[in-house]
Amino acid sequence: MRHTEFWARMEQVLGVAYARSWADQYVMSELGGRTASEALDAGVPPKQVWAAVWQALNLPPSER
């Protein structure tokens, strides 16, 4: 997964206006106590970050 696909998925599930804000503010233990944005900036693969987001938002299996 590329960063562009990650952000497209975020915007699809949270909306364009809220996706970046959520990614900048919501801290996840699965990402070492970082937000999605912090994890991506630290070099965590987007696929791994998406898996944490998917779990945090309790999204359906079809969104995995």
PDB file of N, CA and C in Angstrom:
ATOM      1  N   MET A   1       0.849  -1.175   0.000  1.00  0.00           N
ATOM      2  CA  MET A   1       0.000   0.000   0.000  1.00  0.00           C
ATOM      3  C   MET A   1       0.895   1.239   0.000  1.00  0.00           C
ATOM      4  N   ARG A   2       0.541   2.188  -0.819  1.00  0.00           N
ATOM      5  CA  ARG A   2       1.259   3.467  -0.870  1.00  0.00           C
ATOM      6  C   ARG A   2       0.566   4.491   0.033  1.00  0.00           C
ATOM      7  N   HIS A   3       1.269   5.546   0.310  1.00  0.00           N
ATOM      8  CA  HIS A   3       0.695   6.608   1.137  1.00  0.00           C
ATOM      9  C   HIS A   3      -0.573   7.179   0.508  1.00  0.00           C
ATOM     10  N   THR A   4      -0.581   7.305  -0.820  1.00  0.00           N
ATOM     11  CA  THR A   4      -1.766   7.857  -1.486  1.00  0.00           C
ATOM     12  C   THR A   4      -2.978   6.962  -1.284  1.00  0.00           C
ATOM     13  N   GLU A   5      -2.778   5.654  -1.328  1.00  0.00           N
ATOM     14  CA  GLU A   5      -3.898   4.736  -1.085  1.00  0.00           C
ATOM     15  C   GLU A   5      -4.355   4.815   0.368  1.00  0.00           C
ATOM     16  N   PHE A   6      -3.400   4.917   1.288  1.00  0.00           N
ATOM     17  CA  PHE A   6      -3.753   5.058   2.698  1.00  0.00           C
ATOM     18  C   PHE A   6      -4.660   6.274   2.903  1.00  0.00           C
ATOM     19  N   TRP A   7      -4.234   7.432   2.352  1.00  0.00           N
ATOM     20  CA  TRP A   7      -5.018   8.647   2.549  1.00  0.00           C
ATOM     21  C   TRP A   7      -6.361   8.578   1.828  1.00  0.00           C
ATOM     22  N   ALA A   8      -6.411   7.928   0.696  1.00  0.00           N
ATOM     23  CA  ALA A   8      -7.690   7.757  -0.003  1.00  0.00           C
ATOM     24  C   ALA A   8      -8.648   6.931   0.843  1.00  0.00           C
ATOM     25  N   ARG A   9      -8.132   5.882   1.476  1.00  0.00           N
ATOM     26  CA  ARG A   9      -8.984   5.057   2.347  1.00  0.00           C
ATOM     27  C   ARG A   9      -9.445   5.854   3.566  1.00  0.00           C
ATOM     28  N   MET A  10      -8.542   6.630   4.144  1.00  0.00           N
ATOM     29  CA  MET A  10      -8.911   7.452   5.298  1.00  0.00           C
ATOM     30  C   MET A  10     -10.038   8.409   4.927  1.00  0.00           C
ATOM     31  N   GLU A  11      -9.906   9.057   3.783  1.00  0.00           N
ATOM     32  CA  GLU A  11     -10.932  10.006   3.347  1.00  0.00           C
ATOM     33  C   GLU A  11     -12.244   9.306   3.034  1.00  0.00           C
ATOM     34  N   GLN A  12     -12.158   8.086   2.555  1.00  0.00           N
ATOM     35  CA  GLN A  12     -13.375   7.332   2.241  1.00  0.00           C
ATOM     36  C   GLN A  12     -14.157   7.000   3.505  1.00  0.00           C
ATOM     37  N   VAL A  13     -13.466   6.605   4.573  1.00  0.00           N
ATOM     38  CA  VAL A  13     -14.179   6.181   5.778  1.00  0.00           C
ATOM     39  C   VAL A  13     -14.476   7.329   6.736  1.00  0.00           C
ATOM     40  N   LEU A  14     -13.654   8.384   6.725  1.00  0.00           N
ATOM     41  CA  LEU A  14     -13.853   9.480   7.665  1.00  0.00           C
ATOM     42  C   LEU A  14     -14.296  10.790   7.025  1.00  0.00           C
ATOM     43  N   GLY A  15     -14.178  10.865   5.713  1.00  0.00           N
ATOM     44  CA  GLY A  15     -14.505  12.104   5.028  1.00  0.00           C
ATOM     45  C   GLY A  15     -13.263  12.956   4.836  1.00  0.00           C
ATOM     46  N   VAL A  16     -13.281  13.733   3.790  1.00  0.00           N
ATOM     47  CA  VAL A  16     -12.120  14.550   3.427  1.00  0.00           C
ATOM     48  C   VAL A  16     -11.765  15.530   4.543  1.00  0.00           C
ATOM     49  N   ALA A  17     -12.761  16.151   5.130  1.00  0.00           N
ATOM     50  CA  ALA A  17     -12.515  17.186   6.129  1.00  0.00           C
ATOM     51  C   ALA A  17     -11.975  16.633   7.445  1.00  0.00           C
ATOM     52  N   TYR A  18     -12.291  15.404   7.789  1.00  0.00           N
ATOM     53  CA  TYR A  18     -11.959  14.863   9.109  1.00  0.00           C
ATOM     54  C   TYR A  18     -10.777  13.898   9.088  1.00  0.00           C
ATOM     55  N   ALA A  19     -10.451  13.300   7.965  1.00  0.00           N
ATOM     56  CA  ALA A  19      -9.433  12.246   7.904  1.00  0.00           C
ATOM     57  C   ALA A  19      -8.082  12.706   8.441  1.00  0.00           C
ATOM     58  N   ARG A  20      -7.595  13.832   7.967  1.00  0.00           N
ATOM     59  CA  ARG A  20      -6.261  14.310   8.398  1.00  0.00           C
ATOM     60  C   ARG A  20      -6.279  14.722   9.870  1.00  0.00           C
ATOM     61  N   SER A  21      -7.355  15.337  10.292  1.00  0.00           N
ATOM     62  CA  SER A  21      -7.465  15.744  11.687  1.00  0.00           C
ATOM     63  C   SER A  21      -7.425  14.522  12.603  1.00  0.00           C
ATOM     64  N   TRP A  22      -8.192  13.499  12.264  1.00  0.00           N
ATOM     65  CA  TRP A  22      -8.204  12.269  13.063  1.00  0.00           C
ATOM     66  C   TRP A  22      -6.822  11.638  13.084  1.00  0.00           C
ATOM     67  N   ALA A  23      -6.181  11.571  11.927  1.00  0.00           N
ATOM     68  CA  ALA A  23      -4.855  10.960  11.819  1.00  0.00           C
ATOM     69  C   ALA A  23      -3.804  11.722  12.621  1.00  0.00           C
ATOM     70  N   ASP A  24      -4.009  13.017  12.811  1.00  0.00           N
ATOM     71  CA  ASP A  24      -3.071  13.837  13.569  1.00  0.00           C
ATOM     72  C   ASP A  24      -3.320  13.795  15.071  1.00  0.00           C
ATOM     73  N   GLN A  25      -4.512  13.346  15.498  1.00  0.00           N
ATOM     74  CA  GLN A  25      -4.878  13.459  16.907  1.00  0.00           C
ATOM     75  C   GLN A  25      -5.094  12.140  17.640  1.00  0.00           C
ATOM     76  N   TYR A  26      -5.537  11.102  16.940  1.00  0.00           N
ATOM     77  CA  TYR A  26      -5.917   9.859  17.611  1.00  0.00           C
ATOM     78  C   TYR A  26      -4.685   8.973  17.831  1.00  0.00           C
ATOM     79  N   VAL A  27      -4.319   8.752  19.080  1.00  0.00           N
ATOM     80  CA  VAL A  27      -3.146   7.956  19.448  1.00  0.00           C
ATOM     81  C   VAL A  27      -3.549   6.491  19.570  1.00  0.00           C
ATOM     82  N   MET A  28      -2.736   5.618  18.967  1.00  0.00           N
ATOM     83  CA  MET A  28      -3.027   4.178  18.978  1.00  0.00           C
ATOM     84  C   MET A  28      -1.868   3.394  19.602  1.00  0.00           C
ATOM     85  N   SER A  29      -2.202   2.531  20.548  1.00  0.00           N
ATOM     86  CA  SER A  29      -1.167   1.709  21.184  1.00  0.00           C
ATOM     87  C   SER A  29      -0.520   0.766  20.176  1.00  0.00           C
ATOM     88  N   GLU A  30      -1.277   0.340  19.163  1.00  0.00           N
ATOM     89  CA  GLU A  30      -0.745  -0.560  18.144  1.00  0.00           C
ATOM     90  C   GLU A  30       0.389   0.082  17.345  1.00  0.00           C
ATOM     91  N   LEU A  31       0.466   1.389  17.409  1.00  0.00           N
ATOM     92  CA  LEU A  31       1.509   2.125  16.693  1.00  0.00           C
ATOM     93  C   LEU A  31       2.546   2.694  17.655  1.00  0.00           C
ATOM     94  N   GLY A  32       2.663   2.063  18.817  1.00  0.00           N
ATOM     95  CA  GLY A  32       3.658   2.510  19.794  1.00  0.00           C
ATOM     96  C   GLY A  32       3.304   3.821  20.465  1.00  0.00           C
ATOM     97  N   GLY A  33       2.011   4.070  20.632  1.00  0.00           N
ATOM     98  CA  GLY A  33       1.571   5.308  21.271  1.00  0.00           C
ATOM     99  C   GLY A  33       1.698   6.519  20.370  1.00  0.00           C
ATOM    100  N   ARG A  34       1.607   6.273  19.065  1.00  0.00           N
ATOM    101  CA  ARG A  34       1.696   7.363  18.094  1.00  0.00           C
ATOM    102  C   ARG A  34       0.380   7.499  17.345  1.00  0.00           C
ATOM    103  N   THR A  35       0.225   8.641  16.717  1.00  0.00           N
ATOM    104  CA  THR A  35      -0.909   8.835  15.818  1.00  0.00           C
ATOM    105  C   THR A  35      -0.554   8.212  14.471  1.00  0.00           C
ATOM    106  N   ALA A  36      -1.528   8.100  13.599  1.00  0.00           N
ATOM    107  CA  ALA A  36      -1.271   7.575  12.262  1.00  0.00           C
ATOM    108  C   ALA A  36      -0.267   8.455  11.527  1.00  0.00           C
ATOM    109  N   SER A  37      -0.415   9.759  11.637  1.00  0.00           N
ATOM    110  CA  SER A  37       0.506  10.679  10.970  1.00  0.00           C
ATOM    111  C   SER A  37       1.926  10.536  11.509  1.00  0.00           C
ATOM    112  N   GLU A  38       2.054  10.442  12.819  1.00  0.00           N
ATOM    113  CA  GLU A  38       3.379  10.268  13.424  1.00  0.00           C
ATOM    114  C   GLU A  38       4.016   8.951  12.989  1.00  0.00           C
ATOM    115  N   ALA A  39       3.216   7.900  12.950  1.00  0.00           N
ATOM    116  CA  ALA A  39       3.737   6.596  12.539  1.00  0.00           C
ATOM    117  C   ALA A  39       4.214   6.633  11.091  1.00  0.00           C
ATOM    118  N   LEU A  40       3.431   7.233  10.219  1.00  0.00           N
ATOM    119  CA  LEU A  40       3.845   7.348   8.820  1.00  0.00           C
ATOM    120  C   LEU A  40       5.120   8.166   8.697  1.00  0.00           C
ATOM    121  N   ASP A  41       5.212   9.267   9.425  1.00  0.00           N
ATOM    122  CA  ASP A  41       6.400  10.111   9.398  1.00  0.00           C
ATOM    123  C   ASP A  41       7.631   9.380   9.929  1.00  0.00           C
ATOM    124  N   ALA A  42       7.406   8.416  10.843  1.00  0.00           N
ATOM    125  CA  ALA A  42       8.509   7.645  11.423  1.00  0.00           C
ATOM    126  C   ALA A  42       8.923   6.470  10.538  1.00  0.00           C
ATOM    127  N   GLY A  43       8.214   6.290   9.429  1.00  0.00           N
ATOM    128  CA  GLY A  43       8.586   5.231   8.499  1.00  0.00           C
ATOM    129  C   GLY A  43       7.823   3.925   8.638  1.00  0.00           C
ATOM    130  N   VAL A  44       6.787   3.912   9.465  1.00  0.00           N
ATOM    131  CA  VAL A  44       5.958   2.719   9.579  1.00  0.00           C
ATOM    132  C   VAL A  44       5.221   2.543   8.251  1.00  0.00           C
ATOM    133  N   PRO A  45       5.229   1.337   7.697  1.00  0.00           N
ATOM    134  CA  PRO A  45       4.563   1.129   6.408  1.00  0.00           C
ATOM    135  C   PRO A  45       3.074   1.485   6.467  1.00  0.00           C
ATOM    136  N   PRO A  46       2.575   2.143   5.427  1.00  0.00           N
ATOM    137  CA  PRO A  46       1.153   2.522   5.408  1.00  0.00           C
ATOM    138  C   PRO A  46       0.210   1.343   5.630  1.00  0.00           C
ATOM    139  N   LYS A  47       0.565   0.172   5.155  1.00  0.00           N
ATOM    140  CA  LYS A  47      -0.286  -1.006   5.354  1.00  0.00           C
ATOM    141  C   LYS A  47      -0.432  -1.324   6.844  1.00  0.00           C
ATOM    142  N   GLN A  48       0.651  -1.207   7.585  1.00  0.00           N
ATOM    143  CA  GLN A  48       0.612  -1.451   9.026  1.00  0.00           C
ATOM    144  C   GLN A  48      -0.197  -0.369   9.738  1.00  0.00           C
ATOM    145  N   VAL A  49      -0.038   0.861   9.309  1.00  0.00           N
ATOM    146  CA  VAL A  49      -0.800   1.962   9.908  1.00  0.00           C
ATOM    147  C   VAL A  49      -2.281   1.780   9.607  1.00  0.00           C
ATOM    148  N   TRP A  50      -2.610   1.379   8.374  1.00  0.00           N
ATOM    149  CA  TRP A  50      -4.010   1.153   8.027  1.00  0.00           C
ATOM    150  C   TRP A  50      -4.613   0.042   8.879  1.00  0.00           C
ATOM    151  N   ALA A  51      -3.851  -1.011   9.145  1.00  0.00           N
ATOM    152  CA  ALA A  51      -4.351  -2.111   9.981  1.00  0.00           C
ATOM    153  C   ALA A  51      -4.715  -1.594  11.370  1.00  0.00           C
ATOM    154  N   ALA A  52      -3.905  -0.696  11.916  1.00  0.00           N
ATOM    155  CA  ALA A  52      -4.202  -0.119  13.228  1.00  0.00           C
ATOM    156  C   ALA A  52      -5.437   0.779  13.166  1.00  0.00           C
ATOM    157  N   VAL A  53      -5.536   1.572  12.105  1.00  0.00           N
ATOM    158  CA  VAL A  53      -6.707   2.438  11.919  1.00  0.00           C
ATOM    159  C   VAL A  53      -7.961   1.585  11.772  1.00  0.00           C
ATOM    160  N   TRP A  54      -7.881   0.558  10.956  1.00  0.00           N
ATOM    161  CA  TRP A  54      -9.008  -0.348  10.722  1.00  0.00           C
ATOM    162  C   TRP A  54      -9.515  -0.915  12.046  1.00  0.00           C
ATOM    163  N   GLN A  55      -8.580  -1.327  12.888  1.00  0.00           N
ATOM    164  CA  GLN A  55      -8.950  -1.887  14.184  1.00  0.00           C
ATOM    165  C   GLN A  55      -9.535  -0.813  15.102  1.00  0.00           C
ATOM    166  N   ALA A  56      -8.913   0.348  15.141  1.00  0.00           N
ATOM    167  CA  ALA A  56      -9.372   1.423  16.026  1.00  0.00           C
ATOM    168  C   ALA A  56     -10.775   1.894  15.676  1.00  0.00           C
ATOM    169  N   LEU A  57     -11.071   1.930  14.389  1.00  0.00           N
ATOM    170  CA  LEU A  57     -12.384   2.396  13.943  1.00  0.00           C
ATOM    171  C   LEU A  57     -13.416   1.272  13.863  1.00  0.00           C
ATOM    172  N   ASN A  58     -12.962   0.052  14.142  1.00  0.00           N
ATOM    173  CA  ASN A  58     -13.859  -1.107  14.098  1.00  0.00           C
ATOM    174  C   ASN A  58     -14.574  -1.192  12.740  1.00  0.00           C
ATOM    175  N   LEU A  59     -13.781  -1.093  11.693  1.00  0.00           N
ATOM    176  CA  LEU A  59     -14.330  -1.120  10.341  1.00  0.00           C
ATOM    177  C   LEU A  59     -14.656  -2.547   9.929  1.00  0.00           C
ATOM    178  N   PRO A  60     -15.550  -2.735   8.960  1.00  0.00           N
ATOM    179  CA  PRO A  60     -15.921  -4.071   8.515  1.00  0.00           C
ATOM    180  C   PRO A  60     -14.762  -4.750   7.775  1.00  0.00           C
ATOM    181  N   PRO A  61     -14.762  -6.071   7.715  1.00  0.00           N
ATOM    182  CA  PRO A  61     -13.702  -6.807   7.017  1.00  0.00           C
ATOM    183  C   PRO A  61     -13.498  -6.363   5.569  1.00  0.00           C
ATOM    184  N   SER A  62     -14.543  -5.893   4.933  1.00  0.00           N
ATOM    185  CA  SER A  62     -14.427  -5.456   3.533  1.00  0.00           C
ATOM    186  C   SER A  62     -13.507  -4.238   3.389  1.00  0.00           C
ATOM    187  N   GLU A  63     -13.261  -3.506   4.454  1.00  0.00           N
ATOM    188  CA  GLU A  63     -12.387  -2.330   4.428  1.00  0.00           C
ATOM    189  C   GLU A  63     -10.935  -2.655   4.746  1.00  0.00           C
ATOM    190  N   ARG A  64     -10.681  -3.900   5.097  1.00  0.00           N
ATOM    191  CA  ARG A  64      -9.330  -4.291   5.492  1.00  0.00           C
ATOM    192  C   ARG A  64      -8.418  -4.142   4.327  1.00  0.00           C
TER     193      ARG A  64
END
